[in-house]
Each structure stands twice: as structure tokens, then as C-alpha cells.
Amino acid sequence: MCLISFWYLFAISFIFASDNPISTDSRIKTLIYNPNEIFRLVVHFNFQTSVEFEKDEEIKTITTGNSYAWQLIPIDNRLFIKPLEDNILTNMTIITNKRVYQFEVQSKPYSGYVDNELVYVARFYFPSPDEKIDYPEIKKNDDKQDILEVKPYNFNYEMVGPVKYLPSKVFDDGLKTYIYYDKDITFKQPFIKVIKNNKVLKIKPNIVGDYLVIDNIGKHLELSFNNNVIEITNKNYIN
């Protein structure tokens, strides 16, 4: 009798335990898709965030109001977001082969405390996956946003110059060139010559954290600062 009572109580306890929801870290969020909603994402400098779309979705285009302060890497149905500086607020539109998404993205400095708004992973839930969605017509550059056509970053660069002043890496996204230094180097009025289509463009780059961001790409770049010259060649560039 005692044995039967024990198993009865165990079974009842198991049923109640199964009905209780499993706790989830607040930094992993589920977003219910609504084409008329703007989804807010809070990220931290030195952290990356992953946005997961439906399994068979393919990211086609990303548009942002501010592109230089963000590293955006699309892989399959995921978008990885990493802020390149803190205290930045911008909007972002993502167009996939199935839907259009609107985001407000904010980067904050890391305070050392748990931020309940911080998003590590954002997953979308679709109440009506078979519902037909009418996509709005997007007119390129009408709102003066930076348009990022989704493509892999190009890291195929060669550099020549004083070893002390060589960048740690150089890459481009098809629109802008990013020169990254992980060394303790103070930039004193950096100046860049970009050779594009046999024309020499003189450009003063934007300094964003440890990055020099050039609003252009080219076959050859000549970086001059601190009385030193670094020659950079884009091996993938086609005139």
C-alpha cells in the first residue's frame, strides 16, 4: 500500500512539474512576427547578438540608417550583429525571400551588471506561417539610408609597409573599407588615397573605435599617418 501511494504521488508530481514552464534566460528572446511592428534590439559593445529567422528564410538585403558603427554578418537564416562602438541608436530593415522586418537597434556600454534588455539571441515565432504577406515597395536611397547588399565580407587584401604600423586586418562589405588595428596606435590626422578605376581619390577616413572606415572601395589604398605610408591592395577588386 505504501509503495502504491509513493508511485501515485510521484506520478502526480511529475504531471504538475511537466505543466510548469521551463525558465529561460532573459537575454534569449522570442519575438512574435508582425509586419506592422518595429522590433527593438539592445546590444552591448564587445558583445554579439544573433537574430534567427524561419529555417527556410534567406536574407536578401539589409538597410541601416547608420552602417559604419555596426558589423552585420548574415549566415543562412541568421544575422549576427556586433556594434563597433557604444551609445549608437539606429534603425534597420531586413528583407528576406519571405518577409520584411523593421528593427530599432541600440548599442550600450557594458556596465558589469546584467541588463535585462540585452539580447544575446532573438528568435521569431510566426503565428500564421502560410499567410500571404504583401511586401512594401522599397525605393533605393530615397530615404538616404546606407544600402548593404548581402554578400560575404572581402578579406582578400595585401599590405606592405612598416610592420609596426601594419593593420591587423582589412576588409570591405562592397561599399565601405574597414581597416582594423588591435595595437595601441594613436592616429594623427590619417589620410588615405584610394585608386579606383584609374582615378586617385583623396579621402579622410572616419575613426570608429579601433577602425578606420572609408566610404569607398578601390584596387589600391595608400594609408599615410604619423609620417608612415602603408600600401594596401584589394586582390578581389575588378575595374
Protein backbone atom coordinates (compact mmCIF):
# COMPACT_ATOMS: atom_id res chain seq x y z
CA MET A 1 0.00 0.00 0.00
CA CYS A 2 2.81 2.39 0.88
CA LEU A 3 4.59 1.52 -2.37
CA ILE A 4 1.45 2.22 -4.41
CA SER A 5 0.93 5.54 -2.62
CA PHE A 6 4.55 6.53 -3.31
CA TRP A 7 4.28 5.90 -7.05
CA TYR A 8 0.90 7.66 -7.17
CA LEU A 9 2.34 10.77 -5.53
CA PHE A 10 5.41 10.60 -7.81
CA ALA A 11 3.19 10.42 -10.90
CA ILE A 12 1.09 13.40 -9.73
CA SER A 13 4.24 15.42 -9.01
CA PHE A 14 5.66 14.60 -12.43
CA ILE A 15 2.46 15.75 -14.14
CA PHE A 16 2.49 19.09 -12.33
CA ALA A 17 6.19 19.54 -13.00
CA SER A 18 5.66 18.90 -16.71
CA ASP A 19 2.99 21.58 -16.88
CA ASN A 20 5.24 24.23 -15.35
CA PRO A 21 7.12 26.36 -17.91
CA ILE A 22 10.86 25.99 -18.14
CA SER A 23 12.66 29.16 -17.14
CA THR A 24 14.62 30.90 -19.91
CA ASP A 25 17.42 33.41 -19.68
CA SER A 26 16.00 36.90 -20.30
CA ARG A 27 18.76 37.55 -22.85
CA ILE A 28 17.23 34.90 -25.15
CA LYS A 29 14.04 36.42 -26.51
CA THR A 30 11.17 35.21 -28.69
CA LEU A 31 9.63 37.83 -30.96
CA ILE A 32 6.14 37.33 -32.43
CA TYR A 33 6.28 38.40 -36.04
CA ASN A 34 4.01 41.23 -37.11
CA PRO A 35 4.73 43.08 -40.37
CA ASN A 36 3.48 46.32 -38.78
CA GLU A 37 5.71 46.15 -35.70
CA ILE A 38 9.18 47.59 -35.06
CA PHE A 39 11.32 45.16 -33.07
CA ARG A 40 13.75 46.68 -30.57
CA LEU A 41 17.17 45.08 -30.07
CA VAL A 42 19.57 46.21 -27.33
CA VAL A 43 23.17 45.08 -27.78
CA HIS A 44 26.38 45.80 -25.89
CA PHE A 45 29.76 46.94 -27.15
CA ASN A 46 32.16 43.92 -27.21
CA PHE A 47 29.19 41.52 -27.41
CA GLN A 48 27.47 39.98 -30.43
CA THR A 49 23.81 39.22 -30.98
CA SER A 50 22.22 36.54 -33.16
CA VAL A 51 18.83 37.03 -34.84
CA GLU A 52 17.21 33.81 -36.07
CA PHE A 53 14.56 33.84 -38.79
CA GLU A 54 12.48 30.95 -40.13
CA LYS A 55 14.53 27.92 -41.17
CA ASP A 56 13.96 28.31 -44.91
CA GLU A 57 14.34 32.11 -44.94
CA GLU A 58 17.20 33.69 -46.85
CA ILE A 59 18.35 37.23 -46.12
CA LYS A 60 18.40 39.29 -49.32
CA THR A 61 19.02 42.88 -48.26
CA ILE A 62 19.91 44.83 -45.12
CA THR A 63 19.37 48.58 -44.86
CA THR A 64 20.56 50.67 -41.93
CA GLY A 65 20.41 54.32 -41.02
CA ASN A 66 23.99 54.06 -39.76
CA SER A 67 26.21 51.32 -41.19
CA TYR A 68 29.75 52.28 -40.14
CA ALA A 69 29.19 51.55 -36.43
CA TRP A 70 27.91 48.00 -36.96
CA GLN A 71 29.27 44.68 -38.18
CA LEU A 72 26.42 42.74 -39.80
CA ILE A 73 27.11 39.16 -40.89
CA PRO A 74 24.28 37.12 -42.48
CA ILE A 75 24.71 33.34 -42.44
CA ASP A 76 21.85 31.18 -43.75
CA ASN A 77 18.74 32.21 -41.76
CA ARG A 78 20.72 34.06 -39.07
CA LEU A 79 22.06 37.58 -38.76
CA PHE A 80 24.94 38.28 -36.41
CA ILE A 81 25.09 41.85 -35.11
CA LYS A 82 28.16 43.33 -33.43
CA PRO A 83 28.39 47.03 -32.53
CA LEU A 84 31.74 48.68 -33.29
CA GLU A 85 31.09 51.43 -30.74
CA ASP A 86 28.65 52.14 -27.93
CA ASN A 87 25.85 54.67 -27.45
CA ILE A 88 24.56 54.29 -31.02
CA LEU A 89 20.87 54.16 -31.96
CA THR A 90 19.74 53.40 -35.49
CA ASN A 91 17.02 51.66 -37.45
CA MET A 92 17.42 48.60 -39.66
CA THR A 93 15.28 46.96 -42.33
CA ILE A 94 15.82 43.34 -43.34
CA ILE A 95 14.24 41.88 -46.47
CA THR A 96 14.24 38.11 -46.84
CA ASN A 97 12.80 35.85 -49.50
CA LYS A 98 9.60 35.69 -47.43
CA ARG A 99 9.17 38.77 -45.24
CA VAL A 100 10.18 42.33 -44.36
CA TYR A 101 11.37 43.15 -40.83
CA GLN A 102 11.79 46.54 -39.15
CA PHE A 103 14.19 46.96 -36.22
CA GLU A 104 15.41 49.65 -33.85
CA VAL A 105 18.92 48.72 -32.72
CA GLN A 106 20.72 50.34 -29.80
CA SER A 107 24.24 49.69 -28.54
CA LYS A 108 25.09 50.32 -24.89
CA PRO A 109 28.39 50.26 -22.99
CA TYR A 110 28.92 47.21 -20.76
CA SER A 111 28.28 48.24 -17.15
CA GLY A 112 29.34 44.99 -15.48
CA TYR A 113 25.75 44.25 -14.42
CA VAL A 114 23.09 42.09 -16.02
CA ASP A 115 20.98 44.17 -18.39
CA ASN A 116 17.53 42.63 -18.83
CA GLU A 117 17.16 44.46 -22.16
CA LEU A 118 20.35 42.92 -23.58
CA VAL A 119 19.66 40.44 -26.38
CA TYR A 120 22.01 37.51 -26.98
CA VAL A 121 19.59 35.61 -29.22
CA ALA A 122 16.32 36.78 -30.80
CA ARG A 123 14.12 34.10 -32.36
CA PHE A 124 10.97 34.77 -34.35
CA TYR A 125 7.68 32.99 -33.85
CA PHE A 126 5.22 33.05 -36.76
CA PRO A 127 1.55 32.59 -35.77
CA SER A 128 0.42 32.13 -39.41
CA PRO A 129 3.34 30.82 -41.48
CA ASP A 130 1.10 30.26 -44.53
CA GLU A 131 -0.33 33.78 -44.52
CA LYS A 132 0.41 35.74 -47.69
CA ILE A 133 2.34 38.93 -46.96
CA ASP A 134 2.37 41.90 -49.32
CA TYR A 135 5.85 43.36 -49.32
CA PRO A 136 6.14 47.16 -49.40
CA GLU A 137 7.98 48.66 -52.35
CA ILE A 138 11.48 49.74 -51.29
CA LYS A 139 12.99 52.61 -53.26
CA LYS A 140 16.75 52.59 -53.12
CA ASN A 141 18.35 55.61 -51.42
CA ASP A 142 15.08 57.62 -51.30
CA ASP A 143 15.47 57.91 -47.53
CA LYS A 144 19.24 58.40 -47.79
CA GLN A 145 19.91 55.20 -45.86
CA ASP A 146 23.04 53.17 -46.44
CA ILE A 147 22.12 50.11 -48.52
CA LEU A 148 24.05 46.95 -47.75
CA GLU A 149 23.54 44.25 -50.34
CA VAL A 150 24.13 40.98 -48.52
CA LYS A 151 27.38 39.39 -49.56
CA PRO A 152 30.38 37.87 -47.75
CA TYR A 153 32.95 40.31 -46.46
CA ASN A 154 36.07 40.52 -48.63
CA PHE A 155 39.22 39.91 -46.56
CA ASN A 156 41.49 39.31 -49.56
CA TYR A 157 43.91 42.23 -49.04
CA GLU A 158 47.69 42.53 -49.11
CA MET A 159 49.62 45.12 -47.09
CA VAL A 160 53.15 46.49 -47.41
CA GLY A 161 54.84 48.96 -45.05
CA PRO A 162 56.50 49.30 -41.63
CA VAL A 163 55.50 46.26 -39.56
CA LYS A 164 54.74 48.43 -36.55
CA TYR A 165 52.04 50.29 -38.46
CA LEU A 166 50.51 47.44 -40.49
CA PRO A 167 46.78 46.95 -39.77
CA SER A 168 45.66 43.76 -38.06
CA LYS A 169 43.10 43.22 -40.83
CA VAL A 170 41.48 44.99 -43.76
CA PHE A 171 38.12 44.07 -45.27
CA ASP A 172 35.21 45.59 -47.17
CA ASP A 173 31.48 45.00 -47.50
CA GLY A 174 31.27 46.08 -51.12
CA LEU A 175 30.58 49.69 -50.14
CA LYS A 176 32.98 50.63 -47.39
CA THR A 177 36.54 49.60 -46.48
CA TYR A 178 37.38 48.80 -42.85
CA ILE A 179 40.97 48.99 -41.54
CA TYR A 180 41.33 47.48 -38.08
CA TYR A 181 44.11 47.97 -35.55
CA ASP A 182 44.32 45.92 -32.35
CA LYS A 183 47.57 47.71 -31.47
CA ASP A 184 47.92 50.77 -29.27
CA ILE A 185 48.40 53.30 -32.05
CA THR A 186 47.39 56.95 -31.90
CA PHE A 187 46.14 58.22 -35.23
CA LYS A 188 47.24 61.76 -36.04
CA GLN A 189 45.18 63.04 -38.93
CA PRO A 190 45.20 59.81 -41.01
CA PHE A 191 44.98 60.37 -44.75
CA ILE A 192 44.11 57.84 -47.44
CA LYS A 193 44.48 57.74 -51.21
CA VAL A 194 42.11 55.34 -52.96
CA ILE A 195 42.91 54.30 -56.54
CA LYS A 196 39.63 53.34 -58.22
CA ASN A 197 39.06 52.96 -61.94
CA ASN A 198 42.49 54.53 -62.56
CA LYS A 199 41.46 57.62 -60.59
CA VAL A 200 43.06 58.78 -57.33
CA LEU A 201 40.61 59.78 -54.59
CA LYS A 202 41.89 61.60 -51.50
CA ILE A 203 39.78 60.63 -48.50
CA LYS A 204 39.89 61.37 -44.80
CA PRO A 205 38.58 58.25 -43.03
CA ASN A 206 36.20 58.13 -40.09
CA ILE A 207 37.78 56.86 -36.86
CA VAL A 208 35.38 54.42 -35.15
CA GLY A 209 37.00 52.83 -32.11
CA ASP A 210 39.96 50.83 -33.45
CA TYR A 211 38.70 51.05 -37.04
CA LEU A 212 39.43 53.43 -39.86
CA VAL A 213 36.27 53.41 -42.00
CA ILE A 214 36.49 54.58 -45.64
CA ASP A 215 33.28 55.34 -47.50
CA ASN A 216 34.64 53.72 -50.66
CA ILE A 217 36.50 50.69 -52.05
CA GLY A 218 39.28 50.51 -54.63
CA LYS A 219 42.09 48.43 -56.11
CA HIS A 220 44.87 50.20 -54.18
CA LEU A 221 44.83 52.19 -50.96
CA GLU A 222 47.67 54.26 -49.57
CA LEU A 223 47.37 54.99 -45.87
CA SER A 224 49.51 57.84 -44.57
CA PHE A 225 49.77 58.77 -40.89
CA ASN A 226 52.49 59.55 -38.36
CA ASN A 227 54.88 60.12 -41.32
CA ASN A 228 54.46 56.48 -42.39
CA VAL A 229 52.92 55.03 -45.56
CA ILE A 230 51.06 51.70 -45.75
CA GLU A 231 50.22 50.33 -49.22
CA ILE A 232 47.09 48.15 -49.30
CA THR A 233 45.94 46.10 -52.32
CA ASN A 234 42.45 44.72 -52.81
CA LYS A 235 43.08 41.37 -54.54
CA ASN A 236 39.40 40.88 -55.39
CA TYR A 237 38.81 44.27 -56.97
CA ILE A 238 37.70 44.30 -60.61
CA ASN A 239 37.70 47.57 -62.56
